[in-house]
Amino acid sequence: MAKEKKVEQITDMEVDFAQWFTDVCIKAELVDYSDVKGLFIMRPYGYAIWENIQKILDGKFKATGHQNVAMPMLIPESLLQKEKDHVEGFAPECAWVTMGGSEELPERLCVRPTSETLFCQHWSNIVHSWRDLPCLYNQWCSVMRWEKTTRPFLRGREFLWQEGHTLHATEAEARKETLQMLEIYAETCEQELAMPVIRGNKTDKEKFAGAEATYTIECMMKDHKALQSGTSHFFGDKFSRAYDVTFTGRDNTLQYPFQTSWGASTRLIGAIIMTHGDNNGLVLPPRIAPIQAMVIPVAQHKEGVLEAASALLDRLKAAGIRAGMDDSDQSMGWKAAQYEMKGVPLRVEIGPKDMEKGQCCIARRDTGEKTFVPLTELESAVQKLLQDVHDNLYAMAAKNLEDNTFDMTSWEEVKEMAQGKGGFARTKWCGSLECELAMKEKAGVSSRCMPLKQSGTTGKCVVCGKECTTDIYWGVAY
C-alpha cells in the first residue's frame, strides 16, 4: 500500500475513521448530499461501481433460473398489517403517503421498505397448482427506511438494492434456495470484490422480521468493525398462510407453499471502501472498477506522445479491459494523485523515453509498485497485473480478518477487545436471549452470526458458563 499522503482533503483513517469514510465518498465523487436528510445522490462514478456489481449478480441470478420483475413502490397499510411480526419489525422505519394530489387518501400507503407483502398478494392471484411452482423472482429497485442516523452507502433512508423472492412447493426446496443464494453473495464478495466473508445464520433476536431463519455474510472492515453485506431468509409457509397463498399439490390437496427472500444493496460499495481503502482514497477491486487501467501520456506536448497513448488505449479496450485516458492539461502529479484517490487499479504511463525503448510504465494502486512492460506484452501484462491486484487485496483483507478474530471464553475478554482495537470474538453461546442481551449490555457487542461451519466442540457459554456447543461471532457493527 502506498504510504505517502497525497490527498490532504482526506482525513487519515487512523485519526477519524468515520470522517475518512465520508471524505472518500465525497472526494472520489461517489455521492453528493441532497436537500432531504438521508437521501444521497449517487454520482456517475459511484453508480458505475453499482452497475458493475449489479451486472455480476444479475448474471448469477439468471444462471440459477431467476427472472426479474417490478413491483409497485406503494403498499396499502391493510396489506402490510396481515403479517404481524413483519409489520412490527418495520413499523419504526416506514414512510407513509397520506395525500394524493390535493386529496387525502382513504388508506395510508407505505413507501416500500421491502416487498414481501406485494409478492404474496401477487402470488395469491397467479399460483393455483404445483405446476406454477417454483416462482423464482428478483427485482432491482430502491426502498425507503426512515433511519434516524444516516451515512452514505451504509445507512440511507432510500437506497438501491435487489430483493429476491421465491415460492416453492416443499420446505426442502425453499431451504436449498436460501442457502444457494447466500453462497452466491459470498462468492461474489470473495471472487469479485476481494472481500473474505463469514457465512452464518442470525440469532432469533437478529433475524429478519417474520422469517423462520436468516442467513448472513459478515465482513470485517479496516477499523475491525463488522458489516453485514448480504442476507438470505427462509420464511417457511408463514407468509403464505397470512396472505392466503395456496396451491393444489400433486396429490390433489390444497397446500401452502414455502417462501424465501434475499437481498444485497449499495451497502456493498461501503464495504469495498472500508475493506480496501487507504489514506489516499479508494482502492477498487479490478473486477468492479469502472476504469481498470488509466492511460496517462507523459510530456504529452511532445511529438507522437498523444498518438502513442491513444494506441495503448485502443489496444486495452480491444482486449476487453475497461480503460480510459487523461490527456487534460493537468500536471502529471495531479493525475497520479487523482487516479489513486479514485481507486483505479492500474495507471499506464507512456512518454518520449518509453517510446524510444518500446515500453510503458504500469503503476499498481494497491502497492504503488511500478513495472516497465514491453509494448508487445501490454495486454497480457495488464491482465496479469489486474489479477495480481485482486489477489493481493483479498490476501490483505483475509489477513485483517484472521489477525483480528479472537477465541475468547469470557464476556470480560470480549469487552476489553471491543473497547480496544476491536475485532470479532468467537465464543461458545448457550442460545439464550438473556445471555445475548447481556453481551450487548456488558461487553458492548452484538451477535454477528453463528457460523455455518461449527467446530463441534463443547465449551462454556461466554456469559452464563453453561456447557454448550454453539460457536458464535460477536462484534461492533455498522
Protein backbone atom coordinates (compact mmCIF):
# COMPACT_ATOMS: atom_id res chain seq x y z
CA MET A 1 0.00 0.00 0.00
CA ALA A 2 1.28 3.43 -0.92
CA LYS A 3 2.37 5.23 2.27
CA GLU A 4 2.94 8.80 1.14
CA LYS A 5 -0.02 11.09 1.85
CA LYS A 6 -1.16 12.71 -1.41
CA VAL A 7 -4.71 13.96 -0.83
CA GLU A 8 -4.84 16.44 2.04
CA GLN A 9 -8.65 16.76 1.88
CA ILE A 10 -8.99 13.17 3.08
CA THR A 11 -8.75 12.70 6.86
CA ASP A 12 -6.36 9.94 7.93
CA MET A 13 -8.32 6.81 8.86
CA GLU A 14 -6.16 6.41 11.99
CA VAL A 15 -7.32 9.84 13.18
CA ASP A 16 -11.05 9.57 12.46
CA PHE A 17 -12.24 6.53 10.50
CA ALA A 18 -15.82 7.81 10.14
CA GLN A 19 -14.65 11.15 8.73
CA TRP A 20 -12.16 9.36 6.46
CA PHE A 21 -15.02 7.31 5.04
CA THR A 22 -17.17 10.39 4.38
CA ASP A 23 -14.24 12.28 2.87
CA VAL A 24 -13.55 9.41 0.46
CA CYS A 25 -17.21 9.21 -0.59
CA ILE A 26 -17.28 12.92 -1.42
CA LYS A 27 -13.73 13.47 -2.73
CA ALA A 28 -13.83 10.40 -5.00
CA GLU A 29 -17.11 11.73 -6.43
CA LEU A 30 -19.19 8.74 -5.41
CA VAL A 31 -22.06 10.67 -3.80
CA ASP A 32 -23.39 14.12 -3.04
CA TYR A 33 -25.90 15.25 -0.44
CA SER A 34 -29.47 16.15 -1.35
CA ASP A 35 -31.76 18.57 0.46
CA VAL A 36 -33.52 15.71 2.27
CA LYS A 37 -31.57 14.15 5.15
CA GLY A 38 -30.57 10.57 4.43
CA LEU A 39 -31.28 10.75 0.69
CA PHE A 40 -27.99 10.75 -1.19
CA ILE A 41 -27.25 11.49 -4.82
CA MET A 42 -25.20 8.73 -6.38
CA ARG A 43 -22.84 10.37 -8.84
CA PRO A 44 -21.77 8.70 -12.12
CA TYR A 45 -18.58 7.14 -10.71
CA GLY A 46 -20.41 5.68 -7.72
CA TYR A 47 -23.27 4.46 -9.88
CA ALA A 48 -20.80 2.84 -12.31
CA ILE A 49 -19.44 0.73 -9.45
CA TRP A 50 -23.00 -0.32 -8.58
CA GLU A 51 -23.72 -1.14 -12.23
CA ASN A 52 -20.74 -3.49 -12.33
CA ILE A 53 -21.84 -5.24 -9.12
CA GLN A 54 -25.38 -5.38 -10.44
CA LYS A 55 -24.26 -6.94 -13.73
CA ILE A 56 -22.33 -9.66 -11.90
CA LEU A 57 -25.16 -10.51 -9.51
CA ASP A 58 -27.85 -10.32 -12.19
CA GLY A 59 -25.93 -12.79 -14.31
CA LYS A 60 -25.64 -15.21 -11.40
CA PHE A 61 -29.33 -14.88 -10.57
CA LYS A 62 -30.36 -15.60 -14.15
CA ALA A 63 -27.95 -18.52 -14.37
CA THR A 64 -29.83 -20.12 -11.46
CA GLY A 65 -33.22 -19.64 -13.11
CA HIS A 66 -34.39 -16.36 -11.60
CA GLN A 67 -36.38 -13.76 -13.53
CA ASN A 68 -36.54 -10.02 -12.97
CA VAL A 69 -39.87 -8.37 -12.20
CA ALA A 70 -41.02 -4.95 -10.99
CA MET A 71 -43.42 -4.42 -8.09
CA PRO A 72 -45.19 -1.18 -7.13
CA MET A 73 -43.50 1.30 -4.80
CA LEU A 74 -46.53 1.77 -2.53
CA ILE A 75 -48.08 -0.79 -0.19
CA PRO A 76 -51.59 -0.34 1.30
CA GLU A 77 -51.49 -0.31 5.10
CA SER A 78 -54.09 -3.09 5.28
CA LEU A 79 -51.87 -5.35 3.18
CA LEU A 80 -48.83 -4.65 5.34
CA GLN A 81 -50.79 -5.43 8.52
CA LYS A 82 -51.54 -9.02 7.58
CA GLU A 83 -48.24 -10.45 8.87
CA LYS A 84 -47.88 -9.30 12.49
CA ASP A 85 -44.15 -9.87 13.06
CA HIS A 86 -43.26 -8.34 9.70
CA VAL A 87 -45.18 -5.10 10.21
CA GLU A 88 -43.96 -4.70 13.78
CA GLY A 89 -40.37 -5.15 12.62
CA PHE A 90 -40.61 -2.42 10.01
CA ALA A 91 -43.10 -0.04 11.65
CA PRO A 92 -40.48 2.37 13.07
CA GLU A 93 -38.87 2.76 9.64
CA CYS A 94 -41.96 3.17 7.45
CA ALA A 95 -42.60 6.33 5.45
CA TRP A 96 -46.26 6.96 4.65
CA VAL A 97 -48.12 8.65 1.79
CA THR A 98 -51.38 10.20 3.03
CA MET A 99 -52.24 12.65 0.23
CA GLY A 100 -52.82 12.11 -3.47
CA GLY A 101 -52.61 15.49 -5.14
CA SER A 102 -54.78 17.73 -3.00
CA GLU A 103 -56.99 14.95 -1.62
CA GLU A 104 -56.50 12.84 1.47
CA LEU A 105 -56.20 9.15 0.64
CA PRO A 106 -58.82 6.75 2.06
CA GLU A 107 -55.97 4.49 3.28
CA ARG A 108 -52.35 5.22 4.12
CA LEU A 109 -49.81 3.88 1.65
CA CYS A 110 -46.37 2.75 2.81
CA VAL A 111 -43.35 3.52 0.64
CA ARG A 112 -41.88 0.03 0.38
CA PRO A 113 -39.21 -0.81 2.95
CA THR A 114 -39.19 -4.30 1.37
CA SER A 115 -41.68 -6.14 -0.85
CA GLU A 116 -42.65 -9.47 0.73
CA THR A 117 -46.28 -8.40 1.08
CA LEU A 118 -46.57 -7.30 -2.55
CA PHE A 119 -45.14 -10.58 -3.82
CA CYS A 120 -47.50 -12.55 -1.60
CA GLN A 121 -50.52 -10.65 -2.90
CA HIS A 122 -49.39 -11.27 -6.48
CA TRP A 123 -48.79 -14.96 -5.87
CA SER A 124 -52.21 -15.37 -4.28
CA ASN A 125 -53.63 -14.31 -7.66
CA ILE A 126 -51.43 -16.32 -10.04
CA VAL A 127 -50.40 -19.52 -8.21
CA HIS A 128 -53.00 -22.29 -8.41
CA SER A 129 -51.25 -25.61 -8.99
CA TRP A 130 -47.93 -27.31 -8.27
CA ARG A 131 -47.24 -26.73 -11.97
CA ASP A 132 -46.99 -22.97 -11.24
CA LEU A 133 -44.08 -23.54 -8.88
CA PRO A 134 -41.38 -22.64 -8.21
CA CYS A 135 -41.65 -18.86 -8.69
CA LEU A 136 -38.09 -17.54 -8.82
CA TYR A 137 -38.29 -13.73 -8.89
CA ASN A 138 -35.92 -10.83 -8.32
CA GLN A 139 -36.32 -7.09 -8.61
CA TRP A 140 -33.82 -4.22 -8.80
CA CYS A 141 -35.27 -1.15 -7.14
CA SER A 142 -34.95 1.38 -4.36
CA VAL A 143 -36.55 1.06 -0.94
CA MET A 144 -37.16 3.55 1.85
CA ARG A 145 -36.49 3.08 5.55
CA TRP A 146 -36.73 6.15 7.75
CA GLU A 147 -33.44 5.77 9.59
CA LYS A 148 -32.58 8.27 12.33
CA THR A 149 -28.81 8.19 11.77
CA THR A 150 -27.67 8.17 8.15
CA ARG A 151 -24.35 7.74 6.32
CA PRO A 152 -23.58 7.34 2.61
CA PHE A 153 -23.88 3.71 1.45
CA LEU A 154 -24.06 2.33 5.00
CA ARG A 155 -27.40 3.62 6.22
CA GLY A 156 -29.57 5.75 3.98
CA ARG A 157 -33.28 6.42 4.08
CA GLU A 158 -33.51 5.49 0.42
CA PHE A 159 -31.08 3.04 -1.12
CA LEU A 160 -30.70 0.86 -4.19
CA TRP A 161 -30.75 -2.89 -3.85
CA GLN A 162 -32.03 -6.13 -5.28
CA GLU A 163 -34.59 -8.23 -3.47
CA GLY A 164 -35.16 -11.80 -4.50
CA HIS A 165 -38.43 -13.52 -3.62
CA THR A 166 -39.16 -17.17 -4.35
CA LEU A 167 -42.01 -19.59 -3.76
CA HIS A 168 -41.61 -23.38 -3.54
CA ALA A 169 -43.79 -26.45 -3.23
CA THR A 170 -41.69 -28.02 -0.47
CA GLU A 171 -39.74 -26.88 2.58
CA ALA A 172 -36.64 -28.71 1.35
CA GLU A 173 -36.64 -26.76 -1.93
CA ALA A 174 -37.04 -23.45 -0.13
CA ARG A 175 -34.26 -24.18 2.35
CA LYS A 176 -31.95 -25.20 -0.51
CA GLU A 177 -32.75 -21.92 -2.28
CA THR A 178 -31.99 -19.90 0.85
CA LEU A 179 -28.51 -21.35 1.19
CA GLN A 180 -27.84 -21.26 -2.57
CA MET A 181 -28.45 -17.50 -2.67
CA LEU A 182 -26.33 -16.92 0.42
CA GLU A 183 -23.47 -18.69 -1.33
CA ILE A 184 -23.93 -16.52 -4.43
CA TYR A 185 -23.47 -13.44 -2.23
CA ALA A 186 -20.45 -14.96 -0.52
CA GLU A 187 -18.80 -15.97 -3.80
CA THR A 188 -19.44 -12.51 -5.26
CA CYS A 189 -17.80 -10.82 -2.30
CA GLU A 190 -14.79 -13.12 -2.33
CA GLN A 191 -14.28 -13.63 -6.06
CA GLU A 192 -15.32 -10.23 -7.41
CA LEU A 193 -14.95 -7.76 -4.52
CA ALA A 194 -11.86 -9.38 -2.92
CA MET A 195 -13.63 -9.46 0.47
CA PRO A 196 -13.50 -12.59 2.65
CA VAL A 197 -16.75 -13.28 4.48
CA ILE A 198 -18.07 -15.34 7.36
CA ARG A 199 -21.14 -17.35 6.36
CA GLY A 200 -23.59 -17.91 9.18
CA ASN A 201 -27.11 -17.71 10.49
CA LYS A 202 -28.53 -15.00 12.69
CA THR A 203 -29.90 -15.49 16.18
CA ASP A 204 -33.66 -15.29 16.68
CA LYS A 205 -33.18 -11.78 18.04
CA GLU A 206 -31.34 -10.60 14.93
CA LYS A 207 -33.25 -12.43 12.20
CA PHE A 208 -35.40 -10.66 9.61
CA ALA A 209 -38.89 -9.63 10.74
CA GLY A 210 -41.22 -12.56 10.03
CA ALA A 211 -38.52 -15.04 8.99
CA GLU A 212 -38.03 -18.50 10.43
CA ALA A 213 -34.30 -18.31 9.69
CA THR A 214 -31.95 -15.59 8.44
CA TYR A 215 -28.53 -16.32 6.95
CA THR A 216 -25.86 -13.66 6.56
CA ILE A 217 -22.40 -12.92 5.27
CA GLU A 218 -20.34 -10.77 7.65
CA CYS A 219 -17.27 -8.83 6.56
CA MET A 220 -14.58 -7.14 8.66
CA MET A 221 -13.70 -3.55 7.86
CA LYS A 222 -10.28 -1.94 8.32
CA ASP A 223 -11.38 -0.45 11.64
CA HIS A 224 -12.19 -4.02 12.78
CA LYS A 225 -15.96 -3.45 12.82
CA ALA A 226 -18.43 -5.81 11.19
CA LEU A 227 -20.57 -5.06 8.16
CA GLN A 228 -23.48 -7.29 7.22
CA SER A 229 -23.15 -7.47 3.45
CA GLY A 230 -25.96 -9.74 2.28
CA THR A 231 -28.78 -11.76 3.81
CA SER A 232 -30.98 -14.68 2.78
CA HIS A 233 -34.19 -15.58 4.62
CA PHE A 234 -36.30 -18.73 4.92
CA PHE A 235 -39.92 -17.88 5.73
CA GLY A 236 -41.44 -21.33 5.84
CA ASP A 237 -45.16 -21.12 4.97
CA LYS A 238 -45.84 -18.30 7.44
CA PHE A 239 -46.38 -15.59 4.83
CA SER A 240 -48.34 -17.94 2.59
CA ARG A 241 -50.80 -18.57 5.39
CA ALA A 242 -51.06 -14.87 6.29
CA TYR A 243 -51.74 -13.86 2.68
CA ASP A 244 -53.76 -16.93 1.67
CA VAL A 245 -51.31 -18.18 -0.97
CA THR A 246 -52.27 -21.79 -1.77
CA PHE A 247 -51.76 -24.35 -4.50
CA THR A 248 -53.14 -27.74 -5.40
CA GLY A 249 -50.41 -30.32 -4.91
CA ARG A 250 -49.59 -33.42 -6.91
CA ASP A 251 -51.81 -35.39 -4.51
CA ASN A 252 -54.73 -33.06 -5.33
CA THR A 253 -54.78 -31.48 -1.84
CA LEU A 254 -54.70 -27.76 -1.09
CA GLN A 255 -51.28 -26.73 0.32
CA TYR A 256 -49.36 -23.66 1.44
CA PRO A 257 -46.10 -23.01 -0.46
CA PHE A 258 -42.79 -22.14 1.20
CA GLN A 259 -41.17 -18.77 0.67
CA THR A 260 -37.70 -17.19 0.69
CA SER A 261 -36.30 -13.71 0.24
CA TRP A 262 -32.75 -12.43 -0.11
CA GLY A 263 -31.09 -9.11 -0.74
CA ALA A 264 -27.91 -7.10 -1.19
CA SER A 265 -27.63 -3.36 -1.59
CA THR A 266 -25.35 -0.43 -2.34
CA ARG A 267 -24.00 -1.07 1.16
CA LEU A 268 -21.56 -3.30 -0.73
CA ILE A 269 -19.90 -0.13 -2.03
CA GLY A 270 -19.42 0.99 1.57
CA ALA A 271 -17.90 -2.41 2.30
CA ILE A 272 -15.45 -2.04 -0.59
CA ILE A 273 -14.38 1.40 0.61
CA MET A 274 -13.81 0.28 4.21
CA THR A 275 -12.18 -3.05 3.33
CA HIS A 276 -9.63 -1.83 0.80
CA GLY A 277 -9.32 1.97 1.02
CA ASP A 278 -6.33 3.87 2.41
CA ASN A 279 -5.38 7.43 3.31
CA ASN A 280 -5.10 8.37 -0.37
CA GLY A 281 -8.71 7.33 -1.06
CA LEU A 282 -10.38 4.43 -2.80
CA VAL A 283 -8.70 1.16 -3.68
CA LEU A 284 -11.06 -0.64 -6.04
CA PRO A 285 -11.04 -4.38 -6.78
CA PRO A 286 -10.37 -4.66 -10.53
CA ARG A 287 -13.46 -6.69 -11.36
CA ILE A 288 -15.87 -3.92 -10.36
CA ALA A 289 -13.68 -0.85 -11.02
CA PRO A 290 -15.34 1.44 -13.62
CA ILE A 291 -11.85 2.07 -15.04
CA GLN A 292 -9.40 -0.79 -14.66
CA ALA A 293 -6.48 0.96 -16.35
CA MET A 294 -5.99 4.69 -16.90
CA VAL A 295 -3.60 5.63 -19.69
CA ILE A 296 -1.62 8.81 -19.00
CA PRO A 297 0.61 10.43 -21.63
CA VAL A 298 3.80 11.83 -20.10
CA ALA A 299 5.11 15.09 -21.66
CA GLN A 300 2.12 14.92 -23.97
CA HIS A 301 3.10 18.15 -25.71
CA LYS A 302 5.96 16.32 -27.37
CA GLU A 303 5.56 14.83 -30.82
CA GLY A 304 3.87 11.45 -31.05
CA VAL A 305 3.10 11.01 -27.32
CA LEU A 306 -0.67 11.50 -27.54
CA GLU A 307 -0.83 9.20 -30.55
CA ALA A 308 1.15 6.52 -28.70
CA ALA A 309 -1.11 6.82 -25.65
CA SER A 310 -4.23 6.61 -27.81
CA ALA A 311 -2.88 3.45 -29.43
CA LEU A 312 -2.41 1.87 -25.99
CA LEU A 313 -5.97 2.85 -25.05
CA ASP A 314 -7.37 1.25 -28.20
CA ARG A 315 -5.44 -1.94 -27.59
CA LEU A 316 -6.61 -2.22 -23.99
CA LYS A 317 -10.23 -1.67 -24.95
CA ALA A 318 -9.96 -4.25 -27.73
CA ALA A 319 -8.68 -6.73 -25.13
CA GLY A 320 -11.85 -6.21 -23.07
CA ILE A 321 -10.21 -4.07 -20.40
CA ARG A 322 -12.16 -1.08 -19.08
CA ALA A 323 -9.65 1.65 -19.90
CA GLY A 324 -9.59 5.43 -20.08
CA MET A 325 -7.09 8.14 -20.99
CA ASP A 326 -6.41 11.51 -19.37
CA ASP A 327 -4.99 13.94 -21.92
CA SER A 328 -6.05 17.01 -19.95
CA ASP A 329 -3.64 19.85 -19.22
CA GLN A 330 -3.35 18.89 -15.52
CA SER A 331 0.13 18.10 -14.21
CA MET A 332 1.44 14.55 -14.04
CA GLY A 333 1.47 14.74 -10.24
CA TRP A 334 -2.18 15.82 -10.14
CA LYS A 335 -3.20 12.99 -12.45
CA ALA A 336 -1.33 10.38 -10.42
CA ALA A 337 -2.96 11.56 -7.18
CA GLN A 338 -6.38 11.85 -8.82
CA TYR A 339 -6.50 8.27 -10.05
CA GLU A 340 -5.02 6.92 -6.84
CA MET A 341 -7.78 8.73 -4.97
CA LYS A 342 -10.42 7.27 -7.30
CA GLY A 343 -9.01 3.78 -6.77
CA VAL A 344 -8.13 2.96 -10.39
CA PRO A 345 -6.26 -0.38 -10.15
CA LEU A 346 -3.59 0.39 -12.77
CA ARG A 347 -2.03 3.52 -14.24
CA VAL A 348 -0.39 3.04 -17.67
CA GLU A 349 2.11 5.80 -18.45
CA ILE A 350 3.98 6.43 -21.69
CA GLY A 351 6.33 9.26 -22.63
CA PRO A 352 9.09 10.01 -25.15
CA LYS A 353 11.73 7.89 -23.37
CA ASP A 354 9.30 4.95 -23.11
CA MET A 355 8.54 5.26 -26.82
CA GLU A 356 12.25 5.07 -27.65
CA LYS A 357 12.58 1.90 -25.59
CA GLY A 358 9.34 0.34 -26.85
CA GLN A 359 7.83 0.15 -23.36
CA CYS A 360 5.33 1.68 -20.97
CA CYS A 361 5.29 2.07 -17.20
CA ILE A 362 2.45 0.47 -15.23
CA ALA A 363 1.79 1.56 -11.62
CA ARG A 364 -0.34 -0.52 -9.24
CA ARG A 365 -2.79 1.25 -6.96
CA ASP A 366 -2.63 -1.34 -4.18
CA THR A 367 1.15 -1.37 -3.68
CA GLY A 368 2.40 1.65 -5.61
CA GLU A 369 4.84 -0.66 -7.41
CA LYS A 370 5.87 0.35 -10.93
CA THR A 371 6.74 -2.08 -13.70
CA PHE A 372 8.20 -1.37 -17.12
CA VAL A 373 6.46 -3.52 -19.72
CA PRO A 374 7.41 -4.05 -23.39
CA LEU A 375 4.66 -2.70 -25.62
CA THR A 376 4.43 -6.09 -27.30
CA GLU A 377 3.29 -7.57 -23.98
CA LEU A 378 0.83 -4.82 -22.99
CA GLU A 379 -2.42 -6.78 -22.93
CA SER A 380 -1.11 -9.86 -21.17
CA ALA A 381 0.82 -7.78 -18.64
CA VAL A 382 -2.21 -5.67 -17.76
CA GLN A 383 -4.44 -8.71 -17.39
CA LYS A 384 -1.89 -10.41 -15.14
CA LEU A 385 -1.42 -7.29 -13.02
CA LEU A 386 -5.18 -6.91 -12.59
CA GLN A 387 -5.31 -10.47 -11.28
CA ASP A 388 -2.33 -9.76 -9.02
CA VAL A 389 -4.10 -6.68 -7.60
CA HIS A 390 -7.23 -8.73 -6.88
CA ASP A 391 -5.24 -11.50 -5.21
CA ASN A 392 -3.28 -9.05 -3.08
CA LEU A 393 -6.39 -7.15 -1.98
CA TYR A 394 -8.06 -10.40 -0.96
CA ALA A 395 -4.95 -11.58 0.89
CA MET A 396 -4.69 -8.32 2.85
CA ALA A 397 -8.39 -8.39 3.75
CA ALA A 398 -8.14 -12.06 4.77
CA LYS A 399 -5.15 -11.26 6.99
CA ASN A 400 -7.09 -8.40 8.60
CA LEU A 401 -9.94 -10.83 9.34
CA GLU A 402 -7.66 -13.57 10.64
CA ASP A 403 -5.46 -11.29 12.75
CA ASN A 404 -8.45 -9.65 14.39
CA THR A 405 -10.62 -12.69 15.13
CA PHE A 406 -10.08 -13.99 18.65
CA ASP A 407 -11.23 -17.10 20.51
CA MET A 408 -12.49 -15.94 23.90
CA THR A 409 -14.08 -17.55 26.93
CA SER A 410 -15.49 -14.67 29.00
CA TRP A 411 -17.52 -11.54 28.35
CA GLU A 412 -14.84 -9.54 30.15
CA GLU A 413 -12.32 -10.53 27.48
CA VAL A 414 -14.78 -9.56 24.76
CA LYS A 415 -15.40 -6.17 26.40
CA GLU A 416 -11.67 -5.46 26.59
CA MET A 417 -11.30 -6.30 22.90
CA ALA A 418 -14.30 -4.19 21.88
CA GLN A 419 -13.06 -1.18 23.82
CA GLY A 420 -9.54 -1.64 22.45
CA LYS A 421 -8.56 -2.44 18.90
CA GLY A 422 -11.86 -4.16 18.11
CA GLY A 423 -12.40 -7.27 16.03
CA PHE A 424 -14.52 -10.42 16.12
CA ALA A 425 -14.83 -12.51 19.25
CA ARG A 426 -15.54 -16.19 18.62
CA THR A 427 -17.08 -17.84 21.67
CA LYS A 428 -19.49 -20.51 22.83
CA TRP A 429 -23.10 -19.49 23.44
CA CYS A 430 -25.88 -21.33 25.23
CA GLY A 431 -28.54 -19.97 22.86
CA SER A 432 -30.47 -17.93 25.41
CA LEU A 433 -31.78 -14.44 24.68
CA GLU A 434 -30.76 -13.38 28.18
CA CYS A 435 -27.09 -14.10 27.50
CA GLU A 436 -27.26 -12.42 24.10
CA LEU A 437 -28.72 -9.26 25.64
CA ALA A 438 -26.14 -9.39 28.42
CA MET A 439 -23.32 -9.35 25.85
CA LYS A 440 -24.70 -6.11 24.42
CA GLU A 441 -25.11 -4.55 27.86
CA LYS A 442 -21.90 -5.79 29.47
CA ALA A 443 -19.44 -6.14 26.59
CA GLY A 444 -20.86 -3.62 24.12
CA VAL A 445 -21.09 -6.07 21.21
CA SER A 446 -23.89 -7.64 19.19
CA SER A 447 -24.15 -11.16 17.84
CA ARG A 448 -22.95 -11.25 14.25
CA CYS A 449 -23.73 -14.85 13.30
CA MET A 450 -23.41 -18.49 14.19
CA PRO A 451 -21.01 -19.79 11.51
CA LEU A 452 -22.37 -22.45 9.19
CA LYS A 453 -19.19 -24.44 9.83
CA GLN A 454 -19.42 -25.27 13.53
CA SER A 455 -16.39 -26.73 15.33
CA GLY A 456 -18.47 -29.39 17.08
CA THR A 457 -16.54 -28.90 20.31
CA THR A 458 -18.03 -28.37 23.76
CA GLY A 459 -17.29 -25.34 25.91
CA LYS A 460 -18.86 -22.88 28.32
CA CYS A 461 -21.23 -20.07 27.38
CA VAL A 462 -19.35 -16.79 27.37
CA VAL A 463 -21.91 -15.25 29.75
CA CYS A 464 -23.54 -17.85 31.99
CA GLY A 465 -20.89 -20.59 31.89
CA LYS A 466 -23.36 -23.29 30.86
CA GLU A 467 -21.92 -26.22 28.87
CA CYS A 468 -22.82 -25.81 25.19
CA THR A 469 -21.58 -26.49 21.66
CA THR A 470 -22.72 -23.49 19.56
CA ASP A 471 -19.97 -21.28 18.10
CA ILE A 472 -20.92 -17.63 17.62
CA TYR A 473 -19.22 -14.43 16.48
CA TRP A 474 -19.63 -11.12 18.35
CA GLY A 475 -18.53 -7.66 17.31
CA VAL A 476 -19.33 -3.99 16.93
CA ALA A 477 -21.17 -3.45 13.66
CA TYR A 478 -22.18 -0.71 11.27
